[in-house]
């Protein structure tokens, strides 16, 4: 499970967001609502969907499943000129990311993330950076399917 290290350029996203916690998880509702609006988004750069988490600065230092963060269901766009009613915009600052390829259903995700945050990062030459974390849900993504594939992008900086 060795990631690619990528210097990401800044990106623009359009989508829906909701403040939530892992205890009060509203991911399903956010995605259900966004899927209904996603076809109306002009200027899309690809057919990929982006699941993005914007965590408070101390989220991982004092982790609690009840701690709130902002979840986005979105797509990448080339401009913010036309944003459909009811959707929001997010500018993602560029920077260094560790990109992991994940294959499997949602039941395997928790162990995968525990490996990233509990083993890979502490034993790497990097620390977490305070920028959004996101997953690219591309053509091989199949919601809750054992053959599903996605990319997990974790913001990092050199120790």
C-alpha atoms as a PDB file:
ATOM      1  CA  UNK A   1       0.000   0.000   0.000  1.00  0.00           C
ATOM      2  CA  UNK A   2       2.592   2.521  -1.081  1.00  0.00           C
ATOM      3  CA  UNK A   3       1.026   5.778  -2.298  1.00  0.00           C
ATOM      4  CA  UNK A   4       2.039   7.998  -5.185  1.00  0.00           C
ATOM      5  CA  UNK A   5       3.258  11.384  -3.983  1.00  0.00           C
ATOM      6  CA  UNK A   6       1.733  14.095  -6.171  1.00  0.00           C
ATOM      7  CA  UNK A   7       2.125  17.888  -6.304  1.00  0.00           C
ATOM      8  CA  UNK A   8      -1.480  18.853  -7.023  1.00  0.00           C
ATOM      9  CA  UNK A   9      -2.370  22.119  -8.737  1.00  0.00           C
ATOM     10  CA  UNK A  10      -5.279  24.117  -7.351  1.00  0.00           C
ATOM     11  CA  UNK A  11      -8.756  22.938  -8.371  1.00  0.00           C
ATOM     12  CA  UNK A  12     -12.298  24.267  -8.510  1.00  0.00           C
ATOM     13  CA  UNK A  13     -15.275  22.181  -7.422  1.00  0.00           C
ATOM     14  CA  UNK A  14     -19.039  22.679  -7.581  1.00  0.00           C
ATOM     15  CA  UNK A  15     -21.363  20.614  -5.436  1.00  0.00           C
ATOM     16  CA  UNK A  16     -23.285  20.248  -2.212  1.00  0.00           C
ATOM     17  CA  UNK A  17     -21.857  20.388   1.294  1.00  0.00           C
ATOM     18  CA  UNK A  18     -23.119  19.508   4.750  1.00  0.00           C
ATOM     19  CA  UNK A  19     -21.603  19.770   8.213  1.00  0.00           C
ATOM     20  CA  UNK A  20     -21.671  16.383   9.924  1.00  0.00           C
ATOM     21  CA  UNK A  21     -19.783  13.988  12.159  1.00  0.00           C
ATOM     22  CA  UNK A  22     -19.073  10.284  11.846  1.00  0.00           C
ATOM     23  CA  UNK A  23     -21.718   9.715  14.539  1.00  0.00           C
ATOM     24  CA  UNK A  24     -24.284  11.829  12.654  1.00  0.00           C
ATOM     25  CA  UNK A  25     -23.187  10.811   9.162  1.00  0.00           C
ATOM     26  CA  UNK A  26     -25.242  12.443   6.390  1.00  0.00           C
ATOM     27  CA  UNK A  27     -23.111  11.263   3.457  1.00  0.00           C
ATOM     28  CA  UNK A  28     -25.928   9.284   1.827  1.00  0.00           C
ATOM     29  CA  UNK A  29     -28.282  12.289   1.880  1.00  0.00           C
ATOM     30  CA  UNK A  30     -25.631  14.669   0.514  1.00  0.00           C
ATOM     31  CA  UNK A  31     -24.857  12.347  -2.395  1.00  0.00           C
ATOM     32  CA  UNK A  32     -28.517  11.584  -3.095  1.00  0.00           C
ATOM     33  CA  UNK A  33     -29.275  15.312  -3.321  1.00  0.00           C
ATOM     34  CA  UNK A  34     -26.169  16.107  -5.379  1.00  0.00           C
ATOM     35  CA  UNK A  35     -26.740  13.316  -7.908  1.00  0.00           C
ATOM     36  CA  UNK A  36     -30.079  14.952  -8.776  1.00  0.00           C
ATOM     37  CA  UNK A  37     -28.288  18.259  -9.564  1.00  0.00           C
ATOM     38  CA  UNK A  38     -24.971  17.034 -10.976  1.00  0.00           C
ATOM     39  CA  UNK A  39     -26.142  16.836 -14.597  1.00  0.00           C
ATOM     40  CA  UNK A  40     -26.896  20.576 -14.512  1.00  0.00           C
ATOM     41  CA  UNK A  41     -23.299  21.547 -13.676  1.00  0.00           C
ATOM     42  CA  UNK A  42     -21.622  23.191 -16.698  1.00  0.00           C
ATOM     43  CA  UNK A  43     -17.871  23.346 -17.295  1.00  0.00           C
ATOM     44  CA  UNK A  44     -17.142  19.872 -15.840  1.00  0.00           C
ATOM     45  CA  UNK A  45     -13.569  18.745 -16.467  1.00  0.00           C
ATOM     46  CA  UNK A  46     -14.420  15.024 -16.284  1.00  0.00           C
ATOM     47  CA  UNK A  47     -17.159  12.551 -15.428  1.00  0.00           C
ATOM     48  CA  UNK A  48     -15.472  11.755 -12.081  1.00  0.00           C
ATOM     49  CA  UNK A  49     -17.233  12.556  -8.825  1.00  0.00           C
ATOM     50  CA  UNK A  50     -15.298  13.907  -5.835  1.00  0.00           C
ATOM     51  CA  UNK A  51     -16.091  13.074  -2.223  1.00  0.00           C
ATOM     52  CA  UNK A  52     -14.288  15.718  -0.158  1.00  0.00           C
ATOM     53  CA  UNK A  53     -13.854  16.216   3.582  1.00  0.00           C
ATOM     54  CA  UNK A  54     -12.795  19.567   5.042  1.00  0.00           C
ATOM     55  CA  UNK A  55     -11.688  18.850   8.608  1.00  0.00           C
ATOM     56  CA  UNK A  56     -11.044  21.383  11.392  1.00  0.00           C
ATOM     57  CA  UNK A  57      -7.342  21.989  12.018  1.00  0.00           C
ATOM     58  CA  UNK A  58      -7.234  19.885  15.216  1.00  0.00           C
ATOM     59  CA  UNK A  59      -9.528  17.104  13.919  1.00  0.00           C
ATOM     60  CA  UNK A  60      -6.878  14.356  13.924  1.00  0.00           C
ATOM     61  CA  UNK A  61      -4.990  15.593  17.001  1.00  0.00           C
ATOM     62  CA  UNK A  62      -8.017  15.205  19.254  1.00  0.00           C
ATOM     63  CA  UNK A  63     -10.049  12.722  17.231  1.00  0.00           C
ATOM     64  CA  UNK A  64     -13.609  11.973  18.222  1.00  0.00           C
ATOM     65  CA  UNK A  65     -16.284  10.393  16.016  1.00  0.00           C
ATOM     66  CA  UNK A  66     -18.642  13.111  17.306  1.00  0.00           C
ATOM     67  CA  UNK A  67     -16.414  15.955  16.026  1.00  0.00           C
ATOM     68  CA  UNK A  68     -17.877  17.873  13.077  1.00  0.00           C
ATOM     69  CA  UNK A  69     -16.360  18.360   9.641  1.00  0.00           C
ATOM     70  CA  UNK A  70     -17.730  19.494   6.274  1.00  0.00           C
ATOM     71  CA  UNK A  71     -18.494  16.847   3.625  1.00  0.00           C
ATOM     72  CA  UNK A  72     -18.742  17.758  -0.067  1.00  0.00           C
ATOM     73  CA  UNK A  73     -20.246  15.780  -2.943  1.00  0.00           C
ATOM     74  CA  UNK A  74     -18.908  17.554  -6.015  1.00  0.00           C
ATOM     75  CA  UNK A  75     -17.361  17.620  -9.482  1.00  0.00           C
ATOM     76  CA  UNK A  76     -14.329  19.469 -10.781  1.00  0.00           C
ATOM     77  CA  UNK A  77     -15.032  22.460 -13.041  1.00  0.00           C
ATOM     78  CA  UNK A  78     -12.877  24.848 -15.030  1.00  0.00           C
ATOM     79  CA  UNK A  79     -14.667  27.979 -13.775  1.00  0.00           C
ATOM     80  CA  UNK A  80     -17.215  29.282 -11.312  1.00  0.00           C
ATOM     81  CA  UNK A  81     -19.001  31.374 -13.984  1.00  0.00           C
ATOM     82  CA  UNK A  82     -22.213  29.315 -13.936  1.00  0.00           C
ATOM     83  CA  UNK A  83     -23.168  27.599 -10.687  1.00  0.00           C
ATOM     84  CA  UNK A  84     -26.640  26.048 -10.698  1.00  0.00           C
ATOM     85  CA  UNK A  85     -29.049  27.266  -8.037  1.00  0.00           C
ATOM     86  CA  UNK A  86     -28.751  25.339  -4.778  1.00  0.00           C
ATOM     87  CA  UNK A  87     -25.100  24.316  -5.324  1.00  0.00           C
ATOM     88  CA  UNK A  88     -21.961  25.801  -3.859  1.00  0.00           C
ATOM     89  CA  UNK A  89     -18.364  26.262  -4.947  1.00  0.00           C
ATOM     90  CA  UNK A  90     -15.073  25.290  -3.351  1.00  0.00           C
ATOM     91  CA  UNK A  91     -11.552  26.356  -4.310  1.00  0.00           C
ATOM     92  CA  UNK A  92      -8.980  23.704  -3.390  1.00  0.00           C
ATOM     93  CA  UNK A  93      -5.498  25.078  -2.810  1.00  0.00           C
ATOM     94  CA  UNK A  94      -2.792  23.008  -4.446  1.00  0.00           C
ATOM     95  CA  UNK A  95      -0.085  21.163  -2.579  1.00  0.00           C
ATOM     96  CA  UNK A  96       1.463  17.807  -1.853  1.00  0.00           C
ATOM     97  CA  UNK A  97      -0.804  14.743  -1.616  1.00  0.00           C
ATOM     98  CA  UNK A  98      -0.304  11.041  -0.938  1.00  0.00           C
ATOM     99  CA  UNK A  99      -2.562   9.154  -3.352  1.00  0.00           C
ATOM    100  CA  UNK A 100      -3.684   5.669  -2.358  1.00  0.00           C
ATOM    101  CA  UNK A 101      -5.585   3.270  -4.599  1.00  0.00           C
ATOM    102  CA  UNK A 102      -8.410   1.597  -2.707  1.00  0.00           C
ATOM    103  CA  UNK A 103     -10.235  -1.473  -3.977  1.00  0.00           C
ATOM    104  CA  UNK A 104     -13.208  -2.980  -2.161  1.00  0.00           C
ATOM    105  CA  UNK A 105     -16.492  -2.128  -0.532  1.00  0.00           C
ATOM    106  CA  UNK A 106     -17.207   0.341   2.260  1.00  0.00           C
ATOM    107  CA  UNK A 107     -16.739  -2.349   4.942  1.00  0.00           C
ATOM    108  CA  UNK A 108     -12.983  -2.427   4.167  1.00  0.00           C
ATOM    109  CA  UNK A 109     -12.562   1.363   4.176  1.00  0.00           C
ATOM    110  CA  UNK A 110     -12.199   1.838   7.944  1.00  0.00           C
ATOM    111  CA  UNK A 111      -9.210  -0.515   8.155  1.00  0.00           C
ATOM    112  CA  UNK A 112      -7.681   1.140   5.084  1.00  0.00           C
ATOM    113  CA  UNK A 113      -7.932   4.619   6.625  1.00  0.00           C
ATOM    114  CA  UNK A 114      -6.587   3.306   9.953  1.00  0.00           C
ATOM    115  CA  UNK A 115      -3.551   2.027   8.061  1.00  0.00           C
ATOM    116  CA  UNK A 116      -3.017   5.418   6.368  1.00  0.00           C
ATOM    117  CA  UNK A 117      -3.338   7.540   9.521  1.00  0.00           C
ATOM    118  CA  UNK A 118      -2.018   5.022  12.069  1.00  0.00           C
ATOM    119  CA  UNK A 119       0.853   3.345  10.208  1.00  0.00           C
ATOM    120  CA  UNK A 120       1.789   4.951   6.900  1.00  0.00           C
ATOM    121  CA  UNK A 121       1.889   8.615   7.943  1.00  0.00           C
ATOM    122  CA  UNK A 122       3.770   8.063  11.261  1.00  0.00           C
ATOM    123  CA  UNK A 123       6.357   5.889   9.462  1.00  0.00           C
ATOM    124  CA  UNK A 124       6.747   8.142   6.414  1.00  0.00           C
ATOM    125  CA  UNK A 125       8.729  11.325   5.815  1.00  0.00           C
ATOM    126  CA  UNK A 126       5.471  13.303   5.914  1.00  0.00           C
ATOM    127  CA  UNK A 127       2.887  14.739   8.282  1.00  0.00           C
ATOM    128  CA  UNK A 128      -0.727  15.659   7.585  1.00  0.00           C
ATOM    129  CA  UNK A 129      -1.255  19.089   6.087  1.00  0.00           C
ATOM    130  CA  UNK A 130      -4.341  21.142   6.894  1.00  0.00           C
ATOM    131  CA  UNK A 131      -6.101  21.022   3.535  1.00  0.00           C
ATOM    132  CA  UNK A 132      -9.136  19.030   2.412  1.00  0.00           C
ATOM    133  CA  UNK A 133      -8.928  15.251   2.001  1.00  0.00           C
ATOM    134  CA  UNK A 134     -10.798  13.749  -0.938  1.00  0.00           C
ATOM    135  CA  UNK A 135     -11.618  10.648  -2.932  1.00  0.00           C
ATOM    136  CA  UNK A 136     -11.886  10.470  -6.717  1.00  0.00           C
ATOM    137  CA  UNK A 137     -14.813   8.276  -7.697  1.00  0.00           C
ATOM    138  CA  UNK A 138     -14.046   7.513 -11.336  1.00  0.00           C
ATOM    139  CA  UNK A 139     -15.229   4.995 -13.908  1.00  0.00           C
ATOM    140  CA  UNK A 140     -14.166   1.991 -11.773  1.00  0.00           C
ATOM    141  CA  UNK A 141     -16.114   3.187  -8.713  1.00  0.00           C
ATOM    142  CA  UNK A 142     -19.144   1.025  -7.901  1.00  0.00           C
ATOM    143  CA  UNK A 143     -20.853   2.043  -4.686  1.00  0.00           C
ATOM    144  CA  UNK A 144     -20.563  -0.699  -2.043  1.00  0.00           C
ATOM    145  CA  UNK A 145     -19.208  -3.333  -4.453  1.00  0.00           C
ATOM    146  CA  UNK A 146     -16.207  -5.572  -3.676  1.00  0.00           C
ATOM    147  CA  UNK A 147     -14.710  -4.742  -7.107  1.00  0.00           C
ATOM    148  CA  UNK A 148     -15.061  -0.973  -6.662  1.00  0.00           C
ATOM    149  CA  UNK A 149     -11.936   1.186  -7.063  1.00  0.00           C
ATOM    150  CA  UNK A 150     -11.211   4.772  -6.077  1.00  0.00           C
ATOM    151  CA  UNK A 151      -8.292   7.086  -5.335  1.00  0.00           C
ATOM    152  CA  UNK A 152      -7.837   8.458  -1.828  1.00  0.00           C
ATOM    153  CA  UNK A 153      -5.976  11.801  -1.696  1.00  0.00           C
ATOM    154  CA  UNK A 154      -4.422  12.741   1.665  1.00  0.00           C
ATOM    155  CA  UNK A 155      -2.828  16.212   2.076  1.00  0.00           C
ATOM    156  CA  UNK A 156       0.741  15.968   3.356  1.00  0.00           C
ATOM    157  CA  UNK A 157       3.856  18.043   3.896  1.00  0.00           C
ATOM    158  CA  UNK A 158       7.449  17.082   4.591  1.00  0.00           C
ATOM    159  CA  UNK A 159       8.336  16.521   8.260  1.00  0.00           C
END
